[in-house]
Amino acid sequence: MIRKSLFCVLSLLAISAIPIPAHAWGCEGHEIVALIAMKHLHPDAARQVQSILAASPIDTNLKRFCRNSGLPVMADVATWADDIRNDLPDTAPLHFVDIPLGMTRDKYDISQACQPSCIVDAIKKYSDGMKSGDAKSRADALKFVIHFLGDIHQPLHDETNGDRGGNCVPVGYEDELPRQTNPEHNDFFPNLHAIWDTDILEGMLADRDMTIEQFADYLDRRYQPRWPGWTRGKPIDWAWEAHDLAGTAYRALPAFVPRDPTVQVPSCADNNHIGARMAELHIVLGERYDNVSRPIVEEQLTKAGLRLAALLNSVLGSTAK
């Protein structure tokens, strides 16, 4: 509970300071993605991952939020890209892509949402960056790829409804009603984005009384029949897939949220006070919402791990010496 409360405080500070979705999947989600991926790395790629990360370890002076001790290095670095966002603010927009909610692939060019760049571009850029360069640049590229493969599979990182990817949609969840945290910005917590980042998964872990290692094993076994189909595709395909699931996340809400074509929303006080307007809907989520959201979270974490492994096998397996 202390760790969860600390995460909430830090998330609120990040959301207030940076007008974008923050910390997709939280600590546990990103670490689970990496743990699943490790199970599917080819030996050459696994050796390359270890070698690249060992050649340029994370600065011990870096303030890190996630401190799960004893994790393999690949899982430990999975949240590094969030830790360094304040130091490298230009990387902040690379964690998501703002596709307007309800848009379909045949009617929308995703390049419109990638100006000047977005997570789809970033995965390609840093995948290429793992192949060559000095030790630090290769390690940083690998750490970004590990993190962004998690981010792109969090549905609310692939959509916006004029609400900063659900950050401006206050919701009650797990007996916690939304409270205003920044009146000037119309920020509220909990909000729809935050519960998809952390609360849904934390509830699943608590209900099953599992560690993240156990949950990664469980997901890997549970979805084994789907492995072949889930390793296909490119970042643009994964973004559209997650975007469609974001539509489900909104449709399952116990209140109607109209579609909003507004894309750029600097704060929840913008777009005609979107945060305050959504607060007036008094959305409270319960068991029915969990029944919809939990299977999506399970599948997206598993897909992210499998696809991360496939990408690393493709890029690093060929560069092994």
Protein backbone atom coordinates (compact mmCIF):
# COMPACT_ATOMS: atom_id res chain seq x y z
CA MET A 1 0.00 0.00 0.00
CA ILE A 2 2.88 2.36 0.79
CA ARG A 3 4.44 1.63 -2.60
CA LYS A 4 1.13 2.16 -4.39
CA SER A 5 0.55 5.47 -2.56
CA LEU A 6 4.04 6.63 -3.47
CA PHE A 7 3.41 5.74 -7.09
CA CYS A 8 0.18 7.73 -7.06
CA VAL A 9 1.93 10.81 -5.70
CA LEU A 10 4.74 10.60 -8.23
CA SER A 11 2.32 9.96 -11.07
CA LEU A 12 0.31 13.02 -10.13
CA LEU A 13 3.41 15.16 -10.09
CA ALA A 14 4.45 13.82 -13.48
CA ILE A 15 1.02 14.38 -14.95
CA SER A 16 0.92 17.95 -13.66
CA ALA A 17 4.31 18.77 -15.08
CA ILE A 18 4.13 16.94 -18.42
CA PRO A 19 1.01 17.21 -20.59
CA ILE A 20 1.13 13.63 -21.81
CA PRO A 21 0.23 10.16 -20.55
CA ALA A 22 2.76 8.90 -18.03
CA HIS A 23 4.18 5.59 -16.81
CA ALA A 24 2.32 3.07 -18.96
CA TRP A 25 1.82 -0.21 -17.09
CA GLY A 26 3.65 1.12 -14.03
CA CYS A 27 6.56 -0.85 -12.65
CA GLU A 28 4.94 -4.25 -12.65
CA GLY A 29 3.63 -4.14 -16.20
CA HIS A 30 6.89 -3.15 -17.84
CA GLU A 31 8.80 -5.70 -15.79
CA ILE A 32 6.33 -8.45 -16.72
CA VAL A 33 6.73 -7.62 -20.42
CA ALA A 34 10.50 -7.98 -20.11
CA LEU A 35 10.23 -11.21 -18.12
CA ILE A 36 7.98 -12.76 -20.76
CA ALA A 37 10.29 -11.61 -23.53
CA MET A 38 13.29 -13.23 -21.84
CA LYS A 39 11.60 -16.63 -22.13
CA HIS A 40 11.49 -16.31 -25.91
CA LEU A 41 14.91 -14.86 -26.73
CA HIS A 42 17.15 -16.95 -28.92
CA PRO A 43 20.50 -17.70 -27.25
CA ASP A 44 22.45 -15.31 -29.49
CA ALA A 45 20.00 -12.47 -28.87
CA ALA A 46 19.96 -13.16 -25.11
CA ARG A 47 23.76 -12.94 -25.01
CA GLN A 48 23.67 -9.69 -26.96
CA VAL A 49 21.11 -8.19 -24.60
CA GLN A 50 23.25 -9.08 -21.59
CA SER A 51 26.42 -7.80 -23.24
CA ILE A 52 24.93 -4.49 -24.39
CA LEU A 53 23.34 -3.70 -21.03
CA ALA A 54 26.46 -4.76 -19.09
CA ALA A 55 28.66 -2.50 -21.23
CA SER A 56 26.74 0.61 -20.16
CA PRO A 57 24.80 0.06 -16.93
CA ILE A 58 22.30 2.56 -15.55
CA ASP A 59 23.89 5.46 -13.69
CA THR A 60 23.75 4.66 -9.99
CA ASN A 61 23.01 8.34 -9.29
CA LEU A 62 19.82 8.25 -11.36
CA LYS A 63 16.71 8.56 -9.21
CA ARG A 64 14.66 5.49 -10.01
CA PHE A 65 11.07 4.94 -9.04
CA CYS A 66 10.86 1.18 -9.51
CA ARG A 67 12.97 -0.73 -7.05
CA ASN A 68 11.98 -4.38 -7.35
CA SER A 69 15.14 -6.05 -6.10
CA GLY A 70 16.58 -9.21 -7.54
CA LEU A 71 15.16 -8.85 -11.04
CA PRO A 72 17.18 -9.79 -14.13
CA VAL A 73 18.81 -6.77 -15.70
CA MET A 74 16.47 -6.77 -18.70
CA ALA A 75 13.46 -6.40 -16.38
CA ASP A 76 15.26 -3.88 -14.20
CA VAL A 77 15.93 -1.53 -17.12
CA ALA A 78 12.37 -1.81 -18.46
CA THR A 79 11.29 1.38 -16.66
CA TRP A 80 14.47 3.41 -17.26
CA ALA A 81 12.85 5.39 -20.08
CA ASP A 82 10.38 6.86 -17.58
CA ASP A 83 13.11 7.63 -15.05
CA ILE A 84 15.03 9.81 -17.51
CA ARG A 85 12.12 11.77 -19.01
CA ASN A 86 12.80 14.85 -16.90
CA ASP A 87 16.45 14.80 -18.00
CA LEU A 88 15.56 14.12 -21.64
CA PRO A 89 12.23 15.91 -22.17
CA ASP A 90 12.48 15.51 -25.94
CA THR A 91 11.82 11.79 -25.44
CA ALA A 92 8.50 12.38 -23.64
CA PRO A 93 6.30 12.43 -26.79
CA LEU A 94 7.84 9.13 -27.90
CA HIS A 95 5.88 7.14 -25.31
CA PHE A 96 2.54 7.33 -27.13
CA VAL A 97 0.63 8.16 -30.32
CA ASP A 98 -2.51 10.31 -30.23
CA ILE A 99 -4.87 8.62 -32.69
CA PRO A 100 -8.33 10.17 -32.29
CA LEU A 101 -10.67 7.74 -30.57
CA GLY A 102 -12.98 5.98 -33.00
CA MET A 103 -10.76 6.50 -36.04
CA THR A 104 -10.09 3.49 -38.23
CA ARG A 105 -7.00 2.60 -40.20
CA ASP A 106 -8.72 3.01 -43.54
CA LYS A 107 -9.82 6.56 -42.70
CA TYR A 108 -6.82 7.97 -40.83
CA ASP A 109 -3.15 8.38 -41.68
CA ILE A 110 -1.22 7.69 -38.50
CA SER A 111 1.56 10.00 -39.69
CA GLN A 112 -0.77 12.88 -38.72
CA ALA A 113 -0.38 11.80 -35.10
CA CYS A 114 3.40 11.40 -35.42
CA GLN A 115 4.37 15.03 -35.89
CA PRO A 116 7.18 15.49 -35.25
CA SER A 117 7.48 11.94 -33.88
CA CYS A 118 5.69 9.27 -31.85
CA ILE A 119 6.13 5.80 -30.43
CA VAL A 120 5.77 4.12 -33.83
CA ASP A 121 8.75 6.06 -35.17
CA ALA A 122 10.69 5.66 -31.93
CA ILE A 123 10.59 1.86 -31.99
CA LYS A 124 12.06 1.84 -35.49
CA LYS A 125 14.67 4.48 -34.63
CA TYR A 126 15.94 2.75 -31.51
CA SER A 127 15.76 -0.72 -33.02
CA ASP A 128 18.22 0.52 -35.62
CA GLY A 129 20.26 2.17 -32.86
CA MET A 130 20.89 -1.16 -31.16
CA LYS A 131 22.88 -2.44 -34.12
CA SER A 132 25.90 -0.17 -33.96
CA GLY A 133 27.46 2.80 -32.18
CA ASP A 134 29.25 3.29 -28.88
CA ALA A 135 28.37 1.29 -25.79
CA LYS A 136 26.12 3.93 -24.25
CA SER A 137 24.11 4.68 -27.38
CA ARG A 138 23.47 0.98 -28.01
CA ALA A 139 22.46 0.36 -24.40
CA ASP A 140 20.19 3.39 -24.34
CA ALA A 141 18.57 2.28 -27.60
CA LEU A 142 17.94 -1.18 -26.19
CA LYS A 143 16.44 0.24 -23.00
CA PHE A 144 14.11 2.47 -25.02
CA VAL A 145 12.99 -0.48 -27.16
CA ILE A 146 12.27 -2.64 -24.10
CA HIS A 147 10.17 0.16 -22.61
CA PHE A 148 8.37 1.31 -25.76
CA LEU A 149 7.24 -2.22 -26.60
CA GLY A 150 5.36 -2.08 -23.32
CA ASP A 151 3.99 1.40 -23.89
CA ILE A 152 2.61 0.75 -27.36
CA HIS A 153 0.52 -2.14 -26.03
CA GLN A 154 -1.20 -0.04 -23.35
CA PRO A 155 -4.41 0.90 -25.20
CA LEU A 156 -4.68 4.41 -23.79
CA HIS A 157 -1.21 5.21 -25.15
CA ASP A 158 -2.60 4.83 -28.67
CA GLU A 159 -5.62 7.12 -28.52
CA THR A 160 -6.95 10.47 -27.45
CA ASN A 161 -10.48 11.72 -27.08
CA GLY A 162 -9.55 15.33 -26.47
CA ASP A 163 -8.63 14.12 -22.98
CA ARG A 164 -4.89 13.37 -23.00
CA GLY A 165 -5.37 9.65 -23.43
CA GLY A 166 -7.91 9.38 -20.60
CA ASN A 167 -5.86 11.42 -18.14
CA CYS A 168 -8.71 13.95 -18.13
CA VAL A 169 -11.43 11.39 -17.36
CA PRO A 170 -11.87 11.19 -13.56
CA VAL A 171 -13.11 7.80 -12.39
CA GLY A 172 -13.81 6.12 -9.09
CA TYR A 173 -12.07 2.78 -8.71
CA GLU A 174 -11.56 0.26 -5.88
CA ASP A 175 -13.57 2.37 -3.41
CA GLU A 176 -11.48 5.45 -4.21
CA LEU A 177 -13.45 8.37 -5.62
CA PRO A 178 -11.69 10.90 -7.86
CA ARG A 179 -10.33 13.98 -6.17
CA GLN A 180 -9.06 17.15 -7.75
CA THR A 181 -5.30 17.33 -7.47
CA ASN A 182 -4.61 20.52 -9.43
CA PRO A 183 -7.52 22.97 -9.75
CA GLU A 184 -5.62 25.17 -12.20
CA HIS A 185 -5.11 22.27 -14.61
CA ASN A 186 -8.40 20.48 -13.82
CA ASP A 187 -6.44 17.35 -12.90
CA PHE A 188 -8.15 14.52 -11.03
CA PHE A 189 -7.00 11.23 -9.55
CA PRO A 190 -7.84 8.41 -10.08
CA ASN A 191 -8.45 8.85 -13.79
CA LEU A 192 -9.04 6.45 -16.64
CA HIS A 193 -5.46 6.50 -17.88
CA ALA A 194 -4.01 5.90 -14.42
CA ILE A 195 -6.12 2.85 -13.68
CA TRP A 196 -5.10 1.28 -17.00
CA ASP A 197 -1.46 2.06 -16.20
CA THR A 198 -1.42 0.46 -12.75
CA ASP A 199 -4.60 -0.25 -10.81
CA ILE A 200 -6.15 -2.93 -13.01
CA LEU A 201 -2.93 -4.94 -13.07
CA GLU A 202 -2.24 -4.42 -9.37
CA GLY A 203 -5.71 -5.74 -8.62
CA MET A 204 -5.05 -8.84 -10.69
CA LEU A 205 -1.76 -9.50 -8.91
CA ALA A 206 -3.38 -9.03 -5.51
CA ASP A 207 -6.34 -11.27 -6.28
CA ARG A 208 -4.07 -14.07 -7.49
CA ASP A 209 -1.49 -13.42 -4.76
CA MET A 210 1.29 -13.66 -7.33
CA THR A 211 4.68 -12.04 -7.69
CA ILE A 212 5.45 -10.46 -11.06
CA GLU A 213 7.68 -13.43 -11.91
CA GLN A 214 4.83 -15.84 -11.16
CA PHE A 215 2.38 -13.74 -13.15
CA ALA A 216 4.73 -13.60 -16.14
CA ASP A 217 4.97 -17.42 -16.02
CA TYR A 218 1.19 -17.68 -15.75
CA LEU A 219 0.55 -15.42 -18.75
CA ASP A 220 3.16 -17.18 -20.85
CA ARG A 221 1.57 -20.57 -20.20
CA ARG A 222 -2.03 -19.36 -20.44
CA TYR A 223 -1.63 -17.88 -23.90
CA GLN A 224 0.79 -20.42 -25.38
CA PRO A 225 -1.67 -21.48 -28.14
CA ARG A 226 -1.71 -17.91 -29.44
CA TRP A 227 2.05 -17.37 -29.58
CA PRO A 228 2.45 -17.84 -33.35
CA GLY A 229 -0.19 -15.30 -34.34
CA TRP A 230 0.83 -12.76 -31.74
CA THR A 231 4.45 -12.42 -32.85
CA ARG A 232 3.50 -11.02 -36.26
CA GLY A 233 3.18 -7.42 -37.35
CA LYS A 234 5.01 -4.11 -37.09
CA PRO A 235 4.73 -1.19 -34.65
CA ILE A 236 2.08 0.51 -36.77
CA ASP A 237 -0.03 -2.67 -36.62
CA TRP A 238 0.36 -2.91 -32.85
CA ALA A 239 -0.61 0.73 -32.42
CA TRP A 240 -3.83 0.25 -34.39
CA GLU A 241 -4.62 -2.95 -32.53
CA ALA A 242 -4.24 -1.21 -29.16
CA HIS A 243 -6.19 1.79 -30.46
CA ASP A 244 -9.15 -0.45 -31.23
CA LEU A 245 -8.96 -1.84 -27.68
CA ALA A 246 -9.02 1.71 -26.33
CA GLY A 247 -12.43 2.00 -27.95
CA THR A 248 -13.54 -0.95 -25.84
CA ALA A 249 -12.12 0.73 -22.73
CA TYR A 250 -14.38 3.74 -23.36
CA ARG A 251 -17.46 1.81 -24.47
CA ALA A 252 -17.36 -0.26 -21.26
CA LEU A 253 -17.61 2.86 -19.10
CA PRO A 254 -20.91 3.14 -17.19
CA ALA A 255 -21.49 6.58 -18.72
CA PHE A 256 -21.57 7.75 -22.30
CA VAL A 257 -18.46 9.71 -23.28
CA PRO A 258 -18.98 11.44 -26.64
CA ARG A 259 -16.27 11.27 -29.27
CA ASP A 260 -14.10 14.39 -29.37
CA PRO A 261 -11.95 15.10 -32.45
CA THR A 262 -9.62 17.41 -30.49
CA VAL A 263 -6.11 15.96 -30.44
CA GLN A 264 -3.70 18.39 -28.81
CA VAL A 265 -4.78 19.11 -25.23
CA PRO A 266 -1.98 20.74 -23.20
CA SER A 267 -3.86 20.31 -19.91
CA CYS A 268 -7.21 19.10 -18.60
CA ALA A 269 -8.25 22.74 -18.20
CA ASP A 270 -8.15 23.09 -21.99
CA ASN A 271 -10.70 21.78 -24.49
CA ASN A 272 -13.47 23.64 -22.66
CA HIS A 273 -12.30 22.37 -19.25
CA ILE A 274 -12.36 18.74 -20.31
CA GLY A 275 -11.33 17.48 -16.85
CA ALA A 276 -14.15 19.30 -15.06
CA ARG A 277 -16.68 18.29 -17.73
CA MET A 278 -15.76 14.64 -17.42
CA ALA A 279 -15.88 14.86 -13.61
CA GLU A 280 -19.55 15.83 -13.89
CA LEU A 281 -20.27 12.35 -15.31
CA HIS A 282 -19.44 10.81 -11.90
CA ILE A 283 -17.99 7.64 -13.42
CA VAL A 284 -17.42 4.84 -10.92
CA LEU A 285 -15.93 1.56 -12.14
CA GLY A 286 -16.52 -1.82 -10.58
CA GLU A 287 -16.65 -5.55 -11.26
CA ARG A 288 -18.30 -5.17 -14.67
CA TYR A 289 -15.45 -2.97 -15.86
CA ASP A 290 -12.87 -5.38 -14.48
CA ASN A 291 -14.52 -8.21 -16.41
CA VAL A 292 -13.87 -6.28 -19.62
CA SER A 293 -10.50 -4.73 -18.85
CA ARG A 294 -8.61 -7.54 -17.15
CA PRO A 295 -8.55 -9.92 -20.15
CA ILE A 296 -7.34 -7.05 -22.33
CA VAL A 297 -4.52 -6.25 -19.91
CA GLU A 298 -3.49 -9.91 -19.76
CA GLU A 299 -3.39 -10.28 -23.52
CA GLN A 300 -1.63 -6.97 -24.17
CA LEU A 301 1.14 -7.69 -21.67
CA THR A 302 1.67 -11.11 -23.23
CA LYS A 303 1.67 -9.75 -26.77
CA ALA A 304 4.17 -7.07 -25.77
CA GLY A 305 6.55 -9.65 -24.31
CA LEU A 306 6.33 -11.97 -27.30
CA ARG A 307 6.76 -9.15 -29.79
CA LEU A 308 9.66 -7.67 -27.86
CA ALA A 309 11.42 -11.03 -28.02
CA ALA A 310 10.70 -11.39 -31.74
CA LEU A 311 12.07 -7.91 -32.43
CA LEU A 312 15.23 -8.49 -30.40
CA ASN A 313 15.75 -11.89 -32.01
CA SER A 314 15.51 -10.27 -35.43
CA VAL A 315 17.78 -7.31 -34.69
CA LEU A 316 20.32 -8.70 -32.25
CA GLY A 317 20.39 -12.32 -33.29
CA SER A 318 21.86 -11.27 -36.63
CA THR A 319 24.53 -9.10 -34.96
CA ALA A 320 25.76 -11.74 -32.52
CA LYS A 321 29.44 -12.57 -32.84
